[in-house]
C-alpha atoms as a PDB file:
ATOM      1  CA  MET A   1     211.116 -18.564  46.223  1.00  0.00           C
ATOM      2  CA  GLN A   2     209.379 -21.489  47.883  1.00  0.00           C
ATOM      3  CA  ARG A   3     210.080 -22.205  51.541  1.00  0.00           C
ATOM      4  CA  LEU A   4     211.893 -25.527  51.890  1.00  0.00           C
ATOM      5  CA  ASN A   5     212.201 -28.070  54.676  1.00  0.00           C
ATOM      6  CA  LEU A   6     215.664 -26.756  55.537  1.00  0.00           C
ATOM      7  CA  PRO A   7     216.943 -23.982  57.785  1.00  0.00           C
ATOM      8  CA  TYR A   8     216.538 -20.469  56.368  1.00  0.00           C
ATOM      9  CA  TYR A   9     219.594 -19.142  54.532  1.00  0.00           C
ATOM     10  CA  ALA A  10     220.085 -15.693  53.036  1.00  0.00           C
ATOM     11  CA  PHE A  11     221.365 -15.642  49.458  1.00  0.00           C
ATOM     12  CA  ARG A  12     222.710 -12.984  47.131  1.00  0.00           C
ATOM     13  CA  MET A  13     219.913 -12.588  44.608  1.00  0.00           C
ATOM     14  CA  GLU A  14     219.349 -10.238  41.696  1.00  0.00           C
ATOM     15  CA  ASN A  15     217.135  -9.901  38.657  1.00  0.00           C
ATOM     16  CA  ARG A  16     218.572  -9.921  35.161  1.00  0.00           C
ATOM     17  CA  GLU A  17     216.194  -9.172  32.342  1.00  0.00           C
ATOM     18  CA  GLY A  18     213.283 -10.067  34.599  1.00  0.00           C
ATOM     19  CA  LYS A  19     214.767 -13.433  35.611  1.00  0.00           C
ATOM     20  CA  PRO A  20     215.758 -14.316  39.186  1.00  0.00           C
ATOM     21  CA  MET A  21     219.443 -15.065  39.639  1.00  0.00           C
ATOM     22  CA  ILE A  22     221.143 -16.627  42.674  1.00  0.00           C
ATOM     23  CA  PHE A  23     224.832 -16.424  43.525  1.00  0.00           C
ATOM     24  CA  ASP A  24     226.507 -19.822  43.749  1.00  0.00           C
ATOM     25  CA  GLU A  25     229.164 -19.642  46.477  1.00  0.00           C
ATOM     26  CA  ILE A  26     230.908 -22.791  45.203  1.00  0.00           C
ATOM     27  CA  ARG A  27     231.207 -21.777  41.542  1.00  0.00           C
ATOM     28  CA  LYS A  28     231.453 -18.049  42.355  1.00  0.00           C
ATOM     29  CA  LYS A  29     228.886 -16.895  39.801  1.00  0.00           C
ATOM     30  CA  PHE A  30     225.232 -15.993  39.405  1.00  0.00           C
ATOM     31  CA  LEU A  31     222.947 -18.710  38.035  1.00  0.00           C
ATOM     32  CA  LEU A  32     219.340 -18.707  36.899  1.00  0.00           C
ATOM     33  CA  CYS A  33     217.321 -19.502  40.013  1.00  0.00           C
ATOM     34  CA  THR A  34     215.113 -22.330  38.766  1.00  0.00           C
ATOM     35  CA  PRO A  35     213.199 -24.372  41.365  1.00  0.00           C
ATOM     36  CA  GLU A  36     215.868 -27.112  41.142  1.00  0.00           C
ATOM     37  CA  GLU A  37     218.684 -24.584  41.509  1.00  0.00           C
ATOM     38  CA  TRP A  38     216.924 -23.131  44.561  1.00  0.00           C
ATOM     39  CA  VAL A  39     216.943 -26.604  46.133  1.00  0.00           C
ATOM     40  CA  ARG A  40     220.600 -27.206  45.156  1.00  0.00           C
ATOM     41  CA  GLN A  41     221.776 -23.899  46.638  1.00  0.00           C
ATOM     42  CA  ASN A  42     219.860 -24.494  49.871  1.00  0.00           C
ATOM     43  CA  LEU A  43     221.199 -28.050  50.145  1.00  0.00           C
ATOM     44  CA  VAL A  44     224.763 -26.876  49.624  1.00  0.00           C
ATOM     45  CA  ARG A  45     224.350 -24.329  52.418  1.00  0.00           C
ATOM     46  CA  PHE A  46     222.841 -27.064  54.609  1.00  0.00           C
ATOM     47  CA  LEU A  47     225.814 -29.338  53.911  1.00  0.00           C
ATOM     48  CA  VAL A  48     228.333 -26.592  54.658  1.00  0.00           C
ATOM     49  CA  GLU A  49     226.672 -24.923  57.625  1.00  0.00           C
ATOM     50  CA  GLU A  50     224.853 -27.772  59.360  1.00  0.00           C
ATOM     51  CA  LYS A  51     226.865 -30.855  58.376  1.00  0.00           C
ATOM     52  CA  GLN A  52     230.245 -29.070  58.468  1.00  0.00           C
ATOM     53  CA  ILE A  53     231.294 -30.136  54.975  1.00  0.00           C
ATOM     54  CA  PRO A  54     234.090 -27.851  53.756  1.00  0.00           C
ATOM     55  CA  ALA A  55     232.873 -25.937  50.678  1.00  0.00           C
ATOM     56  CA  GLY A  56     236.068 -26.908  48.884  1.00  0.00           C
ATOM     57  CA  MET A  57     235.080 -30.574  49.159  1.00  0.00           C
ATOM     58  CA  ILE A  58     231.863 -30.044  47.146  1.00  0.00           C
ATOM     59  CA  ALA A  59     231.741 -30.240  43.348  1.00  0.00           C
ATOM     60  CA  LEU A  60     228.588 -29.118  41.535  1.00  0.00           C
ATOM     61  CA  GLU A  61     227.078 -30.229  38.226  1.00  0.00           C
ATOM     62  CA  LYS A  62     229.960 -32.136  36.691  1.00  0.00           C
ATOM     63  CA  GLN A  63     229.506 -34.260  33.595  1.00  0.00           C
ATOM     64  CA  ILE A  64     229.899 -38.019  33.788  1.00  0.00           C
ATOM     65  CA  ARG A  65     229.353 -40.886  31.391  1.00  0.00           C
ATOM     66  CA  VAL A  66     226.690 -43.434  32.385  1.00  0.00           C
ATOM     67  CA  HIS A  67     225.989 -46.413  30.114  1.00  0.00           C
ATOM     68  CA  GLY A  68     227.702 -44.533  27.288  1.00  0.00           C
ATOM     69  CA  LEU A  69     225.531 -41.418  27.744  1.00  0.00           C
ATOM     70  CA  GLN A  70     226.539 -37.967  28.954  1.00  0.00           C
ATOM     71  CA  ARG A  71     224.917 -37.175  32.292  1.00  0.00           C
ATOM     72  CA  ARG A  72     225.480 -34.570  34.983  1.00  0.00           C
ATOM     73  CA  TYR A  73     225.341 -35.096  38.717  1.00  0.00           C
ATOM     74  CA  ASP A  74     224.021 -32.337  40.963  1.00  0.00           C
ATOM     75  CA  ALA A  75     226.653 -32.454  43.688  1.00  0.00           C
ATOM     76  CA  MET A  76     229.512 -34.637  44.860  1.00  0.00           C
ATOM     77  CA  VAL A  77     231.137 -34.450  48.272  1.00  0.00           C
ATOM     78  CA  HIS A  78     234.758 -35.588  48.511  1.00  0.00           C
ATOM     79  CA  ASP A  79     236.763 -36.730  51.504  1.00  0.00           C
ATOM     80  CA  ARG A  80     239.879 -34.827  52.564  1.00  0.00           C
ATOM     81  CA  ASN A  81     241.971 -36.897  50.125  1.00  0.00           C
ATOM     82  CA  GLY A  82     239.745 -35.959  47.184  1.00  0.00           C
ATOM     83  CA  LYS A  83     238.031 -39.361  46.984  1.00  0.00           C
ATOM     84  CA  PRO A  84     234.270 -39.232  46.176  1.00  0.00           C
ATOM     85  CA  LEU A  85     232.272 -39.741  49.365  1.00  0.00           C
ATOM     86  CA  MET A  86     228.655 -38.754  48.659  1.00  0.00           C
ATOM     87  CA  LEU A  87     226.475 -38.122  45.615  1.00  0.00           C
ATOM     88  CA  VAL A  88     223.631 -35.630  45.926  1.00  0.00           C
ATOM     89  CA  GLU A  89     220.593 -35.585  43.642  1.00  0.00           C
ATOM     90  CA  CYS A  90     218.376 -32.493  43.727  1.00  0.00           C
ATOM     91  CA  LYS A  91     214.891 -32.197  42.330  1.00  0.00           C
ATOM     92  CA  ALA A  92     212.518 -29.244  42.201  1.00  0.00           C
ATOM     93  CA  PRO A  93     210.040 -29.140  45.103  1.00  0.00           C
ATOM     94  CA  GLU A  94     207.128 -30.165  42.862  1.00  0.00           C
ATOM     95  CA  VAL A  95     208.982 -33.312  41.717  1.00  0.00           C
ATOM     96  CA  LYS A  96     208.091 -36.371  43.767  1.00  0.00           C
ATOM     97  CA  ILE A  97     210.952 -38.544  44.979  1.00  0.00           C
ATOM     98  CA  THR A  98     210.178 -41.876  43.332  1.00  0.00           C
ATOM     99  CA  GLN A  99     211.946 -45.127  42.611  1.00  0.00           C
ATOM    100  CA  ASN A 100     213.065 -43.576  39.301  1.00  0.00           C
ATOM    101  CA  VAL A 101     214.990 -40.872  41.186  1.00  0.00           C
ATOM    102  CA  PHE A 102     216.767 -43.522  43.265  1.00  0.00           C
ATOM    103  CA  GLN A 103     217.464 -45.498  40.087  1.00  0.00           C
ATOM    104  CA  GLN A 104     219.050 -42.374  38.567  1.00  0.00           C
ATOM    105  CA  ILE A 105     221.419 -41.751  41.468  1.00  0.00           C
ATOM    106  CA  ALA A 106     222.223 -45.480  41.736  1.00  0.00           C
ATOM    107  CA  GLU A 107     223.201 -45.507  38.056  1.00  0.00           C
ATOM    108  CA  TYR A 108     225.400 -42.458  38.595  1.00  0.00           C
ATOM    109  CA  ASN A 109     226.992 -44.244  41.530  1.00  0.00           C
ATOM    110  CA  ILE A 110     228.124 -47.106  39.284  1.00  0.00           C
ATOM    111  CA  SER A 111     230.885 -44.746  38.141  1.00  0.00           C
ATOM    112  CA  PHE A 112     231.946 -43.777  41.675  1.00  0.00           C
ATOM    113  CA  GLY A 113     230.948 -46.384  44.261  1.00  0.00           C
ATOM    114  CA  VAL A 114     230.428 -43.739  46.944  1.00  0.00           C
ATOM    115  CA  PRO A 115     229.255 -44.884  50.372  1.00  0.00           C
ATOM    116  CA  TYR A 116     226.543 -42.190  50.738  1.00  0.00           C
ATOM    117  CA  LEU A 117     223.646 -41.049  48.567  1.00  0.00           C
ATOM    118  CA  PHE A 118     221.522 -37.989  49.398  1.00  0.00           C
ATOM    119  CA  VAL A 119     218.294 -37.307  47.483  1.00  0.00           C
ATOM    120  CA  SER A 120     216.087 -34.269  48.078  1.00  0.00           C
ATOM    121  CA  ASN A 121     213.422 -32.093  46.518  1.00  0.00           C
ATOM    122  CA  GLY A 122     213.909 -29.563  49.307  1.00  0.00           C
ATOM    123  CA  LEU A 123     210.810 -30.804  51.098  1.00  0.00           C
ATOM    124  CA  LYS A 124     211.692 -34.472  51.580  1.00  0.00           C
ATOM    125  CA  HIS A 125     215.227 -35.738  52.113  1.00  0.00           C
ATOM    126  CA  TYR A 126     216.561 -39.284  51.903  1.00  0.00           C
ATOM    127  CA  VAL A 127     220.008 -40.440  52.955  1.00  0.00           C
ATOM    128  CA  CYS A 128     221.369 -43.875  52.164  1.00  0.00           C
ATOM    129  CA  HIS A 129     224.507 -45.658  53.217  1.00  0.00           C
ATOM    130  CA  VAL A 130     225.734 -47.955  50.463  1.00  0.00           C
ATOM    131  CA  ASP A 131     227.774 -51.026  51.334  1.00  0.00           C
ATOM    132  CA  THR A 132     229.283 -51.917  47.966  1.00  0.00           C
ATOM    133  CA  ASN A 133     230.870 -55.105  49.314  1.00  0.00           C
ATOM    134  CA  LEU A 134     227.573 -56.505  50.588  1.00  0.00           C
ATOM    135  CA  ARG A 135     225.588 -54.746  47.835  1.00  0.00           C
ATOM    136  CA  LYS A 136     223.180 -53.381  50.441  1.00  0.00           C
ATOM    137  CA  ILE A 137     221.596 -49.975  50.906  1.00  0.00           C
ATOM    138  CA  GLN A 138     220.542 -48.756  54.339  1.00  0.00           C
ATOM    139  CA  PHE A 139     218.342 -45.680  54.759  1.00  0.00           C
ATOM    140  CA  LEU A 140     219.496 -43.361  57.536  1.00  0.00           C
ATOM    141  CA  LYS A 141     217.331 -41.052  59.635  1.00  0.00           C
ATOM    142  CA  GLU A 142     219.634 -38.130  58.914  1.00  0.00           C
ATOM    143  CA  LEU A 143     222.896 -37.243  57.240  1.00  0.00           C
ATOM    144  CA  PRO A 144     225.852 -37.593  59.617  1.00  0.00           C
ATOM    145  CA  LEU A 145     228.346 -34.767  60.119  1.00  0.00           C
ATOM    146  CA  TYR A 146     231.231 -34.657  57.648  1.00  0.00           C
ATOM    147  CA  SER A 147     233.674 -35.934  60.287  1.00  0.00           C
ATOM    148  CA  GLU A 148     231.483 -39.043  60.698  1.00  0.00           C
ATOM    149  CA  LEU A 149     231.199 -39.709  56.939  1.00  0.00           C
ATOM    150  CA  SER A 150     234.842 -40.334  56.137  1.00  0.00           C
END
């Protein structure tokens, strides 16, 4: 798999019928290792190991309704009380992070009003702090530790 702009992490991998599979530690099952899934799994490990987010506070690929349509977010980090804290949008490495990607995560955030948004294609990462009261978004240089998010 492609080297990403993240620390190196070892994963449980296997081939099934000639297709690469990666073990998802959150959902406790093997998944098809698409380029986007590779980014998602690496980002989850980054969040857990580097940013000290408890694995139990991360939900992956849950369905939501946005403007009457079924959508699915990539990851959601919750605070210790279970309140949504950060939305994560993952793209495959070959997908450029454009205004459309930020529009997508902003639309998802209408349902949640989380204070942090994290967008990555594994090569480039963007972190935003959202002040819903002032309706302002501030880009951060890096994602704070979990203890500093809540």
